[in-house]
């Protein structure tokens, strides 16, 4: 299996399994308004050890999924590359 096909399969798996993507409106590309229960569902998903904090690798996982839940095609065309670097 080539690097490109491995990389592509990994990307597709990450995209399909991205927990945060379900909380984005596909039409407006914005995060949906969350109920308190939905917020706690997200919190609990990332607070793997249940200590009430999202820290270390938990925070890393949250940030990776949050950022990847919006890909560059989701960014408004009026945002310049200097705004995101």
PDB file of N, CA and C in Angstrom:
ATOM      1  N   UNK A   1       0.863  -1.188   0.000  1.00  0.00           N
ATOM      2  CA  UNK A   1       0.000   0.000   0.000  1.00  0.00           C
ATOM      3  C   UNK A   1       0.898   1.235   0.000  1.00  0.00           C
ATOM      4  N   UNK A   2       0.650   2.174  -0.867  1.00  0.00           N
ATOM      5  CA  UNK A   2       1.476   3.369  -0.965  1.00  0.00           C
ATOM      6  C   UNK A   2       1.174   4.341   0.162  1.00  0.00           C
ATOM      7  N   UNK A   3       2.105   5.274   0.364  1.00  0.00           N
ATOM      8  CA  UNK A   3       1.921   6.294   1.394  1.00  0.00           C
ATOM      9  C   UNK A   3       0.664   7.113   1.137  1.00  0.00           C
ATOM     10  N   UNK A   4       0.425   7.469  -0.128  1.00  0.00           N
ATOM     11  CA  UNK A   4      -0.738   8.296  -0.454  1.00  0.00           C
ATOM     12  C   UNK A   4      -2.047   7.604  -0.105  1.00  0.00           C
ATOM     13  N   UNK A   5      -2.172   6.330  -0.447  1.00  0.00           N
ATOM     14  CA  UNK A   5      -3.425   5.636  -0.144  1.00  0.00           C
ATOM     15  C   UNK A   5      -3.565   5.398   1.354  1.00  0.00           C
ATOM     16  N   UNK A   6      -2.461   5.147   2.054  1.00  0.00           N
ATOM     17  CA  UNK A   6      -2.502   4.990   3.509  1.00  0.00           C
ATOM     18  C   UNK A   6      -2.907   6.297   4.159  1.00  0.00           C
ATOM     19  N   UNK A   7      -2.301   7.379   3.710  1.00  0.00           N
ATOM     20  CA  UNK A   7      -2.613   8.705   4.244  1.00  0.00           C
ATOM     21  C   UNK A   7      -4.066   9.074   3.981  1.00  0.00           C
ATOM     22  N   UNK A   8      -4.547   8.770   2.782  1.00  0.00           N
ATOM     23  CA  UNK A   8      -5.929   9.074   2.418  1.00  0.00           C
ATOM     24  C   UNK A   8      -6.912   8.275   3.264  1.00  0.00           C
ATOM     25  N   UNK A   9      -6.622   6.997   3.481  1.00  0.00           N
ATOM     26  CA  UNK A   9      -7.502   6.164   4.310  1.00  0.00           C
ATOM     27  C   UNK A   9      -7.514   6.656   5.747  1.00  0.00           C
ATOM     28  N   UNK A  10      -6.344   7.057   6.256  1.00  0.00           N
ATOM     29  CA  UNK A  10      -6.263   7.582   7.623  1.00  0.00           C
ATOM     30  C   UNK A  10      -7.089   8.858   7.733  1.00  0.00           C
ATOM     31  N   UNK A  11      -6.975   9.748   6.745  1.00  0.00           N
ATOM     32  CA  UNK A  11      -7.737  10.993   6.754  1.00  0.00           C
ATOM     33  C   UNK A  11      -9.234  10.708   6.736  1.00  0.00           C
ATOM     34  N   UNK A  12      -9.670   9.787   5.880  1.00  0.00           N
ATOM     35  CA  UNK A  12     -11.096   9.449   5.800  1.00  0.00           C
ATOM     36  C   UNK A  12     -11.603   8.848   7.105  1.00  0.00           C
ATOM     37  N   UNK A  13     -10.792   8.011   7.751  1.00  0.00           N
ATOM     38  CA  UNK A  13     -11.178   7.431   9.032  1.00  0.00           C
ATOM     39  C   UNK A  13     -11.296   8.524  10.093  1.00  0.00           C
ATOM     40  N   UNK A  14     -10.312   9.446  10.141  1.00  0.00           N
ATOM     41  CA  UNK A  14     -10.365  10.539  11.108  1.00  0.00           C
ATOM     42  C   UNK A  14     -11.589  11.407  10.862  1.00  0.00           C
ATOM     43  N   UNK A  15     -11.883  11.682   9.609  1.00  0.00           N
ATOM     44  CA  UNK A  15     -13.028  12.523   9.260  1.00  0.00           C
ATOM     45  C   UNK A  15     -14.335  11.854   9.693  1.00  0.00           C
ATOM     46  N   UNK A  16     -14.443  10.546   9.467  1.00  0.00           N
ATOM     47  CA  UNK A  16     -15.664   9.821   9.820  1.00  0.00           C
ATOM     48  C   UNK A  16     -15.817   9.678  11.325  1.00  0.00           C
ATOM     49  N   UNK A  17     -14.699   9.591  12.048  1.00  0.00           N
ATOM     50  CA  UNK A  17     -14.776   9.344  13.482  1.00  0.00           C
ATOM     51  C   UNK A  17     -14.609  10.615  14.310  1.00  0.00           C
ATOM     52  N   UNK A  18     -14.618  11.773  13.683  1.00  0.00           N
ATOM     53  CA  UNK A  18     -14.432  13.027  14.401  1.00  0.00           C
ATOM     54  C   UNK A  18     -15.678  13.333  15.224  1.00  0.00           C
ATOM     55  N   UNK A  19     -15.542  13.255  16.532  1.00  0.00           N
ATOM     56  CA  UNK A  19     -16.661  13.456  17.450  1.00  0.00           C
ATOM     57  C   UNK A  19     -17.253  14.859  17.319  1.00  0.00           C
ATOM     58  N   UNK A  20     -16.419  15.869  17.106  1.00  0.00           N
ATOM     59  CA  UNK A  20     -16.879  17.259  17.053  1.00  0.00           C
ATOM     60  C   UNK A  20     -17.692  17.569  15.806  1.00  0.00           C
ATOM     61  N   UNK A  21     -17.466  16.817  14.730  1.00  0.00           N
ATOM     62  CA  UNK A  21     -18.147  17.112  13.463  1.00  0.00           C
ATOM     63  C   UNK A  21     -19.666  17.064  13.603  1.00  0.00           C
ATOM     64  N   UNK A  22     -20.182  16.235  14.495  1.00  0.00           N
ATOM     65  CA  UNK A  22     -21.631  16.125  14.665  1.00  0.00           C
ATOM     66  C   UNK A  22     -22.243  17.391  15.264  1.00  0.00           C
ATOM     67  N   UNK A  23     -21.419  18.265  15.815  1.00  0.00           N
ATOM     68  CA  UNK A  23     -21.927  19.493  16.422  1.00  0.00           C
ATOM     69  C   UNK A  23     -21.758  20.706  15.508  1.00  0.00           C
ATOM     70  N   UNK A  24     -21.365  20.490  14.264  1.00  0.00           N
ATOM     71  CA  UNK A  24     -21.260  21.559  13.263  1.00  0.00           C
ATOM     72  C   UNK A  24     -22.455  21.494  12.334  1.00  0.00           C
ATOM     73  N   UNK A  25     -23.010  22.645  12.017  1.00  0.00           N
ATOM     74  CA  UNK A  25     -24.097  22.729  11.046  1.00  0.00           C
ATOM     75  C   UNK A  25     -23.478  22.620   9.656  1.00  0.00           C
ATOM     76  N   UNK A  26     -23.843  21.611   8.865  1.00  0.00           N
ATOM     77  CA  UNK A  26     -23.210  21.438   7.557  1.00  0.00           C
ATOM     78  C   UNK A  26     -23.521  22.563   6.573  1.00  0.00           C
ATOM     79  N   UNK A  27     -24.621  23.259   6.758  1.00  0.00           N
ATOM     80  CA  UNK A  27     -24.974  24.344   5.838  1.00  0.00           C
ATOM     81  C   UNK A  27     -24.257  25.644   6.180  1.00  0.00           C
ATOM     82  N   UNK A  28     -24.299  26.031   7.448  1.00  0.00           N
ATOM     83  CA  UNK A  28     -23.686  27.304   7.843  1.00  0.00           C
ATOM     84  C   UNK A  28     -22.216  27.151   8.205  1.00  0.00           C
ATOM     85  N   UNK A  29     -21.767  25.902   8.400  1.00  0.00           N
ATOM     86  CA  UNK A  29     -20.389  25.600   8.776  1.00  0.00           C
ATOM     87  C   UNK A  29     -20.014  26.135  10.154  1.00  0.00           C
ATOM     88  N   UNK A  30     -21.003  26.477  10.951  1.00  0.00           N
ATOM     89  CA  UNK A  30     -20.752  26.977  12.298  1.00  0.00           C
ATOM     90  C   UNK A  30     -21.085  25.890  13.309  1.00  0.00           C
ATOM     91  N   UNK A  31     -20.562  26.069  14.520  1.00  0.00           N
ATOM     92  CA  UNK A  31     -20.941  25.146  15.582  1.00  0.00           C
ATOM     93  C   UNK A  31     -22.400  25.371  15.920  1.00  0.00           C
ATOM     94  N   UNK A  32     -23.108  24.290  16.163  1.00  0.00           N
ATOM     95  CA  UNK A  32     -24.514  24.388  16.552  1.00  0.00           C
ATOM     96  C   UNK A  32     -24.597  24.884  17.991  1.00  0.00           C
ATOM     97  N   UNK A  33     -25.742  25.472  18.341  1.00  0.00           N
ATOM     98  CA  UNK A  33     -25.970  25.827  19.738  1.00  0.00           C
ATOM     99  C   UNK A  33     -26.141  24.530  20.508  1.00  0.00           C
ATOM    100  N   UNK A  34     -25.506  24.466  21.667  1.00  0.00           N
ATOM    101  CA  UNK A  34     -25.522  23.239  22.458  1.00  0.00           C
ATOM    102  C   UNK A  34     -26.412  23.383  23.677  1.00  0.00           C
ATOM    103  N   UNK A  35     -27.099  22.321  24.001  1.00  0.00           N
ATOM    104  CA  UNK A  35     -27.820  22.265  25.269  1.00  0.00           C
ATOM    105  C   UNK A  35     -26.798  21.925  26.359  1.00  0.00           C
ATOM    106  N   UNK A  36     -27.192  22.074  27.604  1.00  0.00           N
ATOM    107  CA  UNK A  36     -26.308  21.714  28.714  1.00  0.00           C
ATOM    108  C   UNK A  36     -25.939  20.233  28.642  1.00  0.00           C
ATOM    109  N   UNK A  37     -26.898  19.398  28.264  1.00  0.00           N
ATOM    110  CA  UNK A  37     -26.621  17.961  28.150  1.00  0.00           C
ATOM    111  C   UNK A  37     -25.615  17.665  27.043  1.00  0.00           C
ATOM    112  N   UNK A  38     -25.739  18.354  25.910  1.00  0.00           N
ATOM    113  CA  UNK A  38     -24.793  18.150  24.816  1.00  0.00           C
ATOM    114  C   UNK A  38     -23.396  18.615  25.225  1.00  0.00           C
ATOM    115  N   UNK A  39     -23.327  19.739  25.935  1.00  0.00           N
ATOM    116  CA  UNK A  39     -22.033  20.232  26.400  1.00  0.00           C
ATOM    117  C   UNK A  39     -21.379  19.198  27.316  1.00  0.00           C
ATOM    118  N   UNK A  40     -22.161  18.639  28.233  1.00  0.00           N
ATOM    119  CA  UNK A  40     -21.627  17.636  29.155  1.00  0.00           C
ATOM    120  C   UNK A  40     -21.236  16.354  28.416  1.00  0.00           C
ATOM    121  N   UNK A  41     -21.961  16.031  27.347  1.00  0.00           N
ATOM    122  CA  UNK A  41     -21.600  14.869  26.533  1.00  0.00           C
ATOM    123  C   UNK A  41     -20.223  15.085  25.903  1.00  0.00           C
ATOM    124  N   UNK A  42     -20.005  16.278  25.368  1.00  0.00           N
ATOM    125  CA  UNK A  42     -18.703  16.605  24.779  1.00  0.00           C
ATOM    126  C   UNK A  42     -17.627  16.557  25.860  1.00  0.00           C
ATOM    127  N   UNK A  43     -17.906  17.203  26.992  1.00  0.00           N
ATOM    128  CA  UNK A  43     -16.924  17.254  28.080  1.00  0.00           C
ATOM    129  C   UNK A  43     -16.540  15.836  28.508  1.00  0.00           C
ATOM    130  N   UNK A  44     -17.542  15.006  28.729  1.00  0.00           N
ATOM    131  CA  UNK A  44     -17.295  13.633  29.185  1.00  0.00           C
ATOM    132  C   UNK A  44     -16.527  12.821  28.148  1.00  0.00           C
ATOM    133  N   UNK A  45     -16.799  13.086  26.878  1.00  0.00           N
ATOM    134  CA  UNK A  45     -16.097  12.370  25.812  1.00  0.00           C
ATOM    135  C   UNK A  45     -14.593  12.629  25.883  1.00  0.00           C
ATOM    136  N   UNK A  46     -14.200  13.858  26.161  1.00  0.00           N
ATOM    137  CA  UNK A  46     -12.783  14.216  26.183  1.00  0.00           C
ATOM    138  C   UNK A  46     -12.145  14.063  27.560  1.00  0.00           C
ATOM    139  N   UNK A  47     -12.914  14.124  28.632  1.00  0.00           N
ATOM    140  CA  UNK A  47     -12.394  13.938  29.992  1.00  0.00           C
ATOM    141  C   UNK A  47     -12.316  12.439  30.275  1.00  0.00           C
ATOM    142  N   UNK A  48     -11.340  11.790  29.654  1.00  0.00           N
ATOM    143  CA  UNK A  48     -11.234  10.323  29.690  1.00  0.00           C
ATOM    144  C   UNK A  48     -11.088   9.770  31.104  1.00  0.00           C
ATOM    145  N   UNK A  49     -10.365  10.481  31.984  1.00  0.00           N
ATOM    146  CA  UNK A  49     -10.155   9.947  33.329  1.00  0.00           C
ATOM    147  C   UNK A  49     -11.238  10.377  34.315  1.00  0.00           C
ATOM    148  N   UNK A  50     -12.180  11.216  33.847  1.00  0.00           N
ATOM    149  CA  UNK A  50     -13.323  11.599  34.669  1.00  0.00           C
ATOM    150  C   UNK A  50     -12.995  12.473  35.863  1.00  0.00           C
ATOM    151  N   UNK A  51     -11.853  13.187  35.818  1.00  0.00           N
ATOM    152  CA  UNK A  51     -11.480  14.020  36.955  1.00  0.00           C
ATOM    153  C   UNK A  51     -12.073  15.430  36.906  1.00  0.00           C
ATOM    154  N   UNK A  52     -12.868  15.722  35.878  1.00  0.00           N
ATOM    155  CA  UNK A  52     -13.496  17.037  35.772  1.00  0.00           C
ATOM    156  C   UNK A  52     -12.678  18.057  35.001  1.00  0.00           C
ATOM    157  N   UNK A  53     -11.499  17.661  34.558  1.00  0.00           N
ATOM    158  CA  UNK A  53     -10.618  18.551  33.803  1.00  0.00           C
ATOM    159  C   UNK A  53     -10.286  17.918  32.461  1.00  0.00           C
ATOM    160  N   UNK A  54     -10.092  18.761  31.462  1.00  0.00           N
ATOM    161  CA  UNK A  54      -9.583  18.295  30.175  1.00  0.00           C
ATOM    162  C   UNK A  54      -8.155  18.809  30.097  1.00  0.00           C
ATOM    163  N   UNK A  55      -7.207  17.894  30.230  1.00  0.00           N
ATOM    164  CA  UNK A  55      -5.800  18.286  30.335  1.00  0.00           C
ATOM    165  C   UNK A  55      -4.911  17.301  29.587  1.00  0.00           C
ATOM    166  N   UNK A  56      -3.710  17.734  29.294  1.00  0.00           N
ATOM    167  CA  UNK A  56      -2.714  16.869  28.664  1.00  0.00           C
ATOM    168  C   UNK A  56      -3.189  16.278  27.359  1.00  0.00           C
ATOM    169  N   UNK A  57      -3.147  14.953  27.267  1.00  0.00           N
ATOM    170  CA  UNK A  57      -3.523  14.278  26.021  1.00  0.00           C
ATOM    171  C   UNK A  57      -5.013  14.432  25.730  1.00  0.00           C
ATOM    172  N   UNK A  58      -5.818  14.626  26.773  1.00  0.00           N
ATOM    173  CA  UNK A  58      -7.256  14.858  26.564  1.00  0.00           C
ATOM    174  C   UNK A  58      -7.456  16.176  25.817  1.00  0.00           C
ATOM    175  N   UNK A  59      -6.744  17.207  26.250  1.00  0.00           N
ATOM    176  CA  UNK A  59      -6.835  18.517  25.597  1.00  0.00           C
ATOM    177  C   UNK A  59      -6.301  18.442  24.172  1.00  0.00           C
ATOM    178  N   UNK A  60      -5.208  17.734  24.004  1.00  0.00           N
ATOM    179  CA  UNK A  60      -4.644  17.556  22.670  1.00  0.00           C
ATOM    180  C   UNK A  60      -5.659  16.898  21.737  1.00  0.00           C
ATOM    181  N   UNK A  61      -6.328  15.855  22.218  1.00  0.00           N
ATOM    182  CA  UNK A  61      -7.340  15.175  21.409  1.00  0.00           C
ATOM    183  C   UNK A  61      -8.504  16.084  21.059  1.00  0.00           C
ATOM    184  N   UNK A  62      -8.963  16.869  22.049  1.00  0.00           N
ATOM    185  CA  UNK A  62     -10.061  17.806  21.790  1.00  0.00           C
ATOM    186  C   UNK A  62      -9.660  18.828  20.735  1.00  0.00           C
ATOM    187  N   UNK A  63      -8.495  19.443  20.911  1.00  0.00           N
ATOM    188  CA  UNK A  63      -8.069  20.485  19.972  1.00  0.00           C
ATOM    189  C   UNK A  63      -7.878  19.933  18.565  1.00  0.00           C
ATOM    190  N   UNK A  64      -7.303  18.747  18.451  1.00  0.00           N
ATOM    191  CA  UNK A  64      -7.118  18.140  17.121  1.00  0.00           C
ATOM    192  C   UNK A  64      -8.466  17.912  16.432  1.00  0.00           C
ATOM    193  N   UNK A  65      -9.425  17.366  17.158  1.00  0.00           N
ATOM    194  CA  UNK A  65     -10.734  17.098  16.550  1.00  0.00           C
ATOM    195  C   UNK A  65     -11.492  18.385  16.269  1.00  0.00           C
ATOM    196  N   UNK A  66     -11.372  19.367  17.164  1.00  0.00           N
ATOM    197  CA  UNK A  66     -12.057  20.636  16.957  1.00  0.00           C
ATOM    198  C   UNK A  66     -11.550  21.317  15.692  1.00  0.00           C
ATOM    199  N   UNK A  67     -10.233  21.390  15.557  1.00  0.00           N
ATOM    200  CA  UNK A  67      -9.648  22.039  14.379  1.00  0.00           C
ATOM    201  C   UNK A  67      -9.957  21.247  13.118  1.00  0.00           C
ATOM    202  N   UNK A  68      -9.844  19.931  13.171  1.00  0.00           N
ATOM    203  CA  UNK A  68     -10.082  19.143  11.957  1.00  0.00           C
ATOM    204  C   UNK A  68     -11.564  19.016  11.618  1.00  0.00           C
ATOM    205  N   UNK A  69     -12.449  19.393  12.549  1.00  0.00           N
ATOM    206  CA  UNK A  69     -13.882  19.348  12.231  1.00  0.00           C
ATOM    207  C   UNK A  69     -14.260  20.440  11.239  1.00  0.00           C
ATOM    208  N   UNK A  70     -13.398  21.443  11.124  1.00  0.00           N
ATOM    209  CA  UNK A  70     -13.576  22.489  10.108  1.00  0.00           C
ATOM    210  C   UNK A  70     -12.376  22.411   9.188  1.00  0.00           C
ATOM    211  N   UNK A  71     -12.568  21.984   7.961  1.00  0.00           N
ATOM    212  CA  UNK A  71     -11.436  21.919   7.050  1.00  0.00           C
ATOM    213  C   UNK A  71     -11.345  23.217   6.266  1.00  0.00           C
ATOM    214  N   UNK A  72     -10.295  23.360   5.469  1.00  0.00           N
ATOM    215  CA  UNK A  72     -10.077  24.620   4.768  1.00  0.00           C
ATOM    216  C   UNK A  72     -11.189  24.960   3.787  1.00  0.00           C
ATOM    217  N   UNK A  73     -11.930  23.972   3.302  1.00  0.00           N
ATOM    218  CA  UNK A  73     -13.041  24.288   2.409  1.00  0.00           C
ATOM    219  C   UNK A  73     -14.200  24.904   3.180  1.00  0.00           C
ATOM    220  N   UNK A  74     -14.170  24.756   4.523  1.00  0.00           N
ATOM    221  CA  UNK A  74     -15.215  25.342   5.355  1.00  0.00           C
ATOM    222  C   UNK A  74     -14.939  26.797   5.713  1.00  0.00           C
ATOM    223  N   UNK A  75     -13.722  27.262   5.455  1.00  0.00           N
ATOM    224  CA  UNK A  75     -13.358  28.621   5.835  1.00  0.00           C
ATOM    225  C   UNK A  75     -13.856  29.588   4.779  1.00  0.00           C
ATOM    226  N   UNK A  76     -14.419  30.674   5.241  1.00  0.00           N
ATOM    227  CA  UNK A  76     -14.964  31.693   4.350  1.00  0.00           C
ATOM    228  C   UNK A  76     -13.892  32.202   3.389  1.00  0.00           C
ATOM    229  N   UNK A  77     -14.237  32.459   2.136  1.00  0.00           N
ATOM    230  CA  UNK A  77     -13.254  32.937   1.159  1.00  0.00           C
ATOM    231  C   UNK A  77     -12.672  34.303   1.504  1.00  0.00           C
ATOM    232  N   UNK A  78     -13.326  35.075   2.368  1.00  0.00           N
ATOM    233  CA  UNK A  78     -12.794  36.386   2.705  1.00  0.00           C
ATOM    234  C   UNK A  78     -11.725  36.327   3.800  1.00  0.00           C
ATOM    235  N   UNK A  79     -11.403  35.125   4.282  1.00  0.00           N
ATOM    236  CA  UNK A  79     -10.322  34.959   5.244  1.00  0.00           C
ATOM    237  C   UNK A  79      -9.042  34.749   4.453  1.00  0.00           C
ATOM    238  N   UNK A  80      -8.048  35.579   4.704  1.00  0.00           N
ATOM    239  CA  UNK A  80      -6.793  35.435   3.980  1.00  0.00           C
ATOM    240  C   UNK A  80      -5.885  34.453   4.704  1.00  0.00           C
ATOM    241  N   UNK A  81      -4.879  33.950   3.993  1.00  0.00           N
ATOM    242  CA  UNK A  81      -3.962  33.004   4.615  1.00  0.00           C
ATOM    243  C   UNK A  81      -3.189  33.656   5.746  1.00  0.00           C
ATOM    244  N   UNK A  82      -2.990  34.943   5.693  1.00  0.00           N
ATOM    245  CA  UNK A  82      -2.265  35.601   6.782  1.00  0.00           C
ATOM    246  C   UNK A  82      -3.106  35.595   8.062  1.00  0.00           C
ATOM    247  N   UNK A  83      -4.436  35.489   7.951  1.00  0.00           N
ATOM    248  CA  UNK A  83      -5.301  35.422   9.126  1.00  0.00           C
ATOM    249  C   UNK A  83      -5.208  34.082   9.836  1.00  0.00           C
ATOM    250  N   UNK A  84      -4.795  33.029   9.134  1.00  0.00           N
ATOM    251  CA  UNK A  84      -4.784  31.699   9.740  1.00  0.00           C
ATOM    252  C   UNK A  84      -3.381  31.169   9.978  1.00  0.00           C
ATOM    253  N   UNK A  85      -2.368  31.947   9.722  1.00  0.00           N
ATOM    254  CA  UNK A  85      -0.996  31.490   9.984  1.00  0.00           C
ATOM    255  C   UNK A  85      -0.423  32.177  11.173  1.00  0.00           C
TER     256      UNK A  85
END
